[in-house]
Amino acid sequence: MGLSLGSMSRARRSDNWGFPRWGGYGSSRDAVQVRLCDRHGCTEAGTCPAPKSPNSPERWMFCQQHAAEYNQGWDYFAGLDAEEAAAREAEERQTHEGYKESAHYGWAGSGDGSRSRDELRALDVLGLTPDADFDEIRKAWRSKAKEVHPDVRPGDEDAAKAFQALQLAYEVLRQAEERREWKG
């Protein structure tokens, strides 16, 4: 048995035994550098990057509260003409289409991005909320179309234009509904 009382008293306990190691891996006692929020007078950590100007790689570093305040009035398309804004939107849609499409398969509601901008405009023409189901859409279309139908109001150009707008809105929503049924 070779252990004597003297050798047992010299044995020490280590705080690095077993798993997990209780001591930090390569930890030191040096101060950690923390970048403060770029908002004047704020002492919180600046962890949220925000662009200094549109299309600029330079970033402000704000705390979460000041980043939300800064982004509240941010116009992503500022300084772009309509064509450039449409091109950027198309590019963003192309790279993020999977996220938008995935919203359809979940417990999607109205404000989750499951409806396109065209669908939202069509719902607005019919006077419906974004979470309207297709039965509500059909009922609203029929009731509004009966009021401005060319057979009911012959020779009325305003009614004819309103009827065409209703037809187009219904067609956009009908095709979107068919796509959803086909995917699902």
Protein backbone atom coordinates (compact mmCIF):
# COMPACT_ATOMS: atom_id res chain seq x y z
CA MET A 1 0.00 0.00 0.00
CA GLY A 2 2.86 2.43 -0.02
CA LEU A 3 0.95 5.60 1.06
CA SER A 4 1.99 7.01 4.32
CA LEU A 5 0.27 9.66 6.31
CA GLY A 6 2.94 12.18 5.30
CA SER A 7 2.34 11.73 1.57
CA MET A 8 -1.43 12.12 1.98
CA SER A 9 -1.01 15.46 3.66
CA ARG A 10 1.00 16.79 0.74
CA ALA A 11 -1.65 15.86 -1.87
CA ARG A 12 -3.68 18.86 -2.98
CA ARG A 13 -6.99 19.18 -4.66
CA SER A 14 -6.99 20.72 -8.09
CA ASP A 15 -9.81 22.85 -9.41
CA ASN A 16 -9.15 21.43 -12.89
CA TRP A 17 -10.37 17.90 -12.40
CA GLY A 18 -13.03 16.10 -14.40
CA PHE A 19 -15.25 17.62 -17.05
CA PRO A 20 -16.18 20.39 -17.50
CA ARG A 21 -13.05 22.16 -16.50
CA TRP A 22 -14.03 24.64 -13.87
CA GLY A 23 -11.19 26.99 -14.67
CA GLY A 24 -11.60 29.00 -17.86
CA TYR A 25 -9.71 27.92 -20.95
CA GLY A 26 -6.90 30.39 -21.40
CA SER A 27 -8.66 32.87 -19.17
CA SER A 28 -6.80 35.78 -17.79
CA ARG A 29 -7.53 38.53 -15.39
CA ASP A 30 -7.00 41.33 -17.92
CA ALA A 31 -9.75 43.86 -18.54
CA VAL A 32 -12.03 43.13 -21.47
CA GLN A 33 -12.33 45.86 -24.10
CA VAL A 34 -15.98 46.91 -24.55
CA ARG A 35 -17.01 49.37 -27.22
CA LEU A 36 -19.46 51.93 -25.87
CA CYS A 37 -22.53 53.16 -27.68
CA ASP A 38 -21.74 55.97 -30.14
CA ARG A 39 -24.71 58.01 -28.87
CA HIS A 40 -23.41 60.95 -26.85
CA GLY A 41 -23.68 60.34 -23.12
CA CYS A 42 -24.67 56.66 -23.33
CA THR A 43 -22.64 54.22 -21.24
CA GLU A 44 -24.14 50.97 -22.57
CA ALA A 45 -22.17 48.57 -24.77
CA GLY A 46 -22.40 49.39 -28.49
CA THR A 47 -23.26 46.01 -30.04
CA CYS A 48 -25.67 47.01 -32.84
CA PRO A 49 -24.14 48.31 -36.09
CA ALA A 50 -26.04 50.99 -38.03
CA PRO A 51 -24.99 52.57 -41.35
CA LYS A 52 -23.74 56.15 -41.15
CA SER A 53 -25.27 56.97 -44.54
CA PRO A 54 -27.09 55.06 -47.30
CA ASN A 55 -24.86 52.71 -49.27
CA SER A 56 -21.88 53.39 -46.98
CA PRO A 57 -19.75 50.68 -45.38
CA GLU A 58 -19.06 52.91 -42.33
CA ARG A 59 -21.12 52.00 -39.27
CA TRP A 60 -22.18 53.55 -35.99
CA MET A 61 -22.20 51.17 -33.04
CA PHE A 62 -25.25 51.71 -30.84
CA CYS A 63 -26.78 49.97 -27.87
CA GLN A 64 -30.05 48.22 -28.64
CA GLN A 65 -32.24 51.12 -27.47
CA HIS A 66 -30.42 53.76 -29.53
CA ALA A 67 -30.19 51.47 -32.58
CA ALA A 68 -33.98 51.10 -32.50
CA GLU A 69 -34.36 54.87 -32.19
CA TYR A 70 -31.94 55.46 -35.08
CA ASN A 71 -33.56 52.88 -37.37
CA GLN A 72 -37.10 54.09 -36.69
CA GLY A 73 -36.87 56.81 -39.33
CA TRP A 74 -34.42 55.05 -41.65
CA ASP A 75 -35.39 54.98 -45.32
CA TYR A 76 -33.62 52.05 -46.95
CA PHE A 77 -34.29 53.40 -50.45
CA ALA A 78 -33.24 57.02 -49.78
CA GLY A 79 -31.32 58.60 -52.64
CA LEU A 80 -32.36 55.99 -55.20
CA ASP A 81 -34.63 56.68 -58.14
CA ALA A 82 -37.63 54.41 -58.78
CA GLU A 83 -35.73 52.12 -61.14
CA GLU A 84 -32.80 51.60 -58.76
CA ALA A 85 -35.20 51.04 -55.83
CA ALA A 86 -37.11 48.42 -57.85
CA ALA A 87 -33.84 46.71 -58.81
CA ARG A 88 -32.68 46.61 -55.18
CA GLU A 89 -36.04 45.28 -54.03
CA ALA A 90 -35.93 42.55 -56.70
CA GLU A 91 -32.40 41.62 -55.64
CA GLU A 92 -33.41 41.45 -51.96
CA ARG A 93 -36.42 39.35 -52.83
CA GLN A 94 -34.29 36.96 -54.84
CA THR A 95 -31.84 36.34 -52.01
CA HIS A 96 -34.50 36.10 -49.29
CA GLU A 97 -37.28 34.33 -51.20
CA GLY A 98 -36.88 31.17 -49.13
CA TYR A 99 -37.80 32.98 -45.93
CA LYS A 100 -40.91 34.50 -47.49
CA GLU A 101 -41.94 31.17 -48.96
CA SER A 102 -41.43 29.38 -45.66
CA ALA A 103 -43.95 31.69 -43.97
CA HIS A 104 -46.66 30.00 -46.00
CA TYR A 105 -46.01 26.61 -44.41
CA GLY A 106 -46.09 27.74 -40.80
CA TRP A 107 -48.78 29.23 -38.61
CA ALA A 108 -48.76 32.28 -40.83
CA GLY A 109 -51.02 35.23 -40.19
CA SER A 110 -51.54 38.51 -41.95
CA GLY A 111 -48.52 40.50 -40.90
CA ASP A 112 -45.93 37.81 -41.44
CA GLY A 113 -44.98 38.59 -45.01
CA SER A 114 -47.02 35.77 -46.54
CA ARG A 115 -48.87 38.23 -48.81
CA SER A 116 -47.08 40.07 -51.58
CA ARG A 117 -47.28 43.81 -52.10
CA ASP A 118 -49.63 43.26 -55.06
CA GLU A 119 -51.94 41.14 -52.91
CA LEU A 120 -52.02 43.83 -50.22
CA ARG A 121 -52.91 46.46 -52.84
CA ALA A 122 -55.66 44.19 -54.20
CA LEU A 123 -57.07 43.71 -50.70
CA ASP A 124 -57.03 47.48 -50.27
CA VAL A 125 -59.02 47.92 -53.51
CA LEU A 126 -61.61 45.46 -52.16
CA GLY A 127 -61.64 47.24 -48.79
CA LEU A 128 -60.43 44.21 -46.83
CA THR A 129 -57.86 43.67 -44.10
CA PRO A 130 -54.62 41.76 -44.85
CA ASP A 131 -55.81 38.70 -42.92
CA ALA A 132 -58.98 38.20 -44.99
CA ASP A 133 -59.54 34.65 -46.18
CA PHE A 134 -60.58 33.80 -49.72
CA ASP A 135 -64.31 33.46 -48.92
CA GLU A 136 -64.32 37.05 -47.64
CA ILE A 137 -62.45 38.14 -50.76
CA ARG A 138 -65.00 36.47 -53.03
CA LYS A 139 -67.96 38.02 -51.16
CA ALA A 140 -66.45 41.52 -51.22
CA TRP A 141 -65.61 41.23 -54.91
CA ARG A 142 -69.13 40.11 -55.83
CA SER A 143 -70.87 42.82 -53.83
CA LYS A 144 -68.63 45.62 -55.13
CA ALA A 145 -68.66 44.35 -58.72
CA LYS A 146 -72.47 44.29 -58.76
CA GLU A 147 -72.55 48.00 -57.90
CA VAL A 148 -70.27 49.11 -60.76
CA HIS A 149 -70.91 46.42 -63.40
CA PRO A 150 -71.19 47.84 -66.97
CA ASP A 151 -74.61 46.16 -67.38
CA VAL A 152 -75.90 47.98 -64.29
CA ARG A 153 -74.30 51.32 -65.25
CA PRO A 154 -74.02 51.47 -69.05
CA GLY A 155 -72.00 54.40 -70.42
CA ASP A 156 -70.45 55.33 -67.04
CA GLU A 157 -66.66 55.47 -67.59
CA ASP A 158 -65.84 55.82 -63.88
CA ALA A 159 -67.87 52.72 -63.09
CA ALA A 160 -66.15 50.82 -65.92
CA LYS A 161 -62.71 51.76 -64.55
CA ALA A 162 -63.76 50.77 -61.02
CA PHE A 163 -65.07 47.44 -62.35
CA GLN A 164 -61.76 46.77 -64.15
CA ALA A 165 -59.82 47.56 -60.96
CA LEU A 166 -62.03 45.15 -59.00
CA GLN A 167 -61.58 42.45 -61.64
CA LEU A 168 -57.82 42.87 -61.60
CA ALA A 169 -57.69 42.81 -57.78
CA TYR A 170 -59.79 39.65 -57.67
CA GLU A 171 -57.63 37.98 -60.32
CA VAL A 172 -54.41 38.76 -58.39
CA LEU A 173 -55.88 37.31 -55.19
CA ARG A 174 -57.39 34.28 -56.95
CA GLN A 175 -54.07 33.37 -58.56
CA ALA A 176 -52.24 33.81 -55.24
CA GLU A 177 -54.75 31.53 -53.55
CA GLU A 178 -54.29 28.91 -56.27
CA ARG A 179 -50.51 29.06 -55.82
CA ARG A 180 -50.90 28.55 -52.07
CA GLU A 181 -53.21 25.58 -52.57
CA TRP A 182 -50.86 24.09 -55.13
CA LYS A 183 -47.81 24.44 -52.85
CA GLY A 184 -49.61 23.23 -49.76
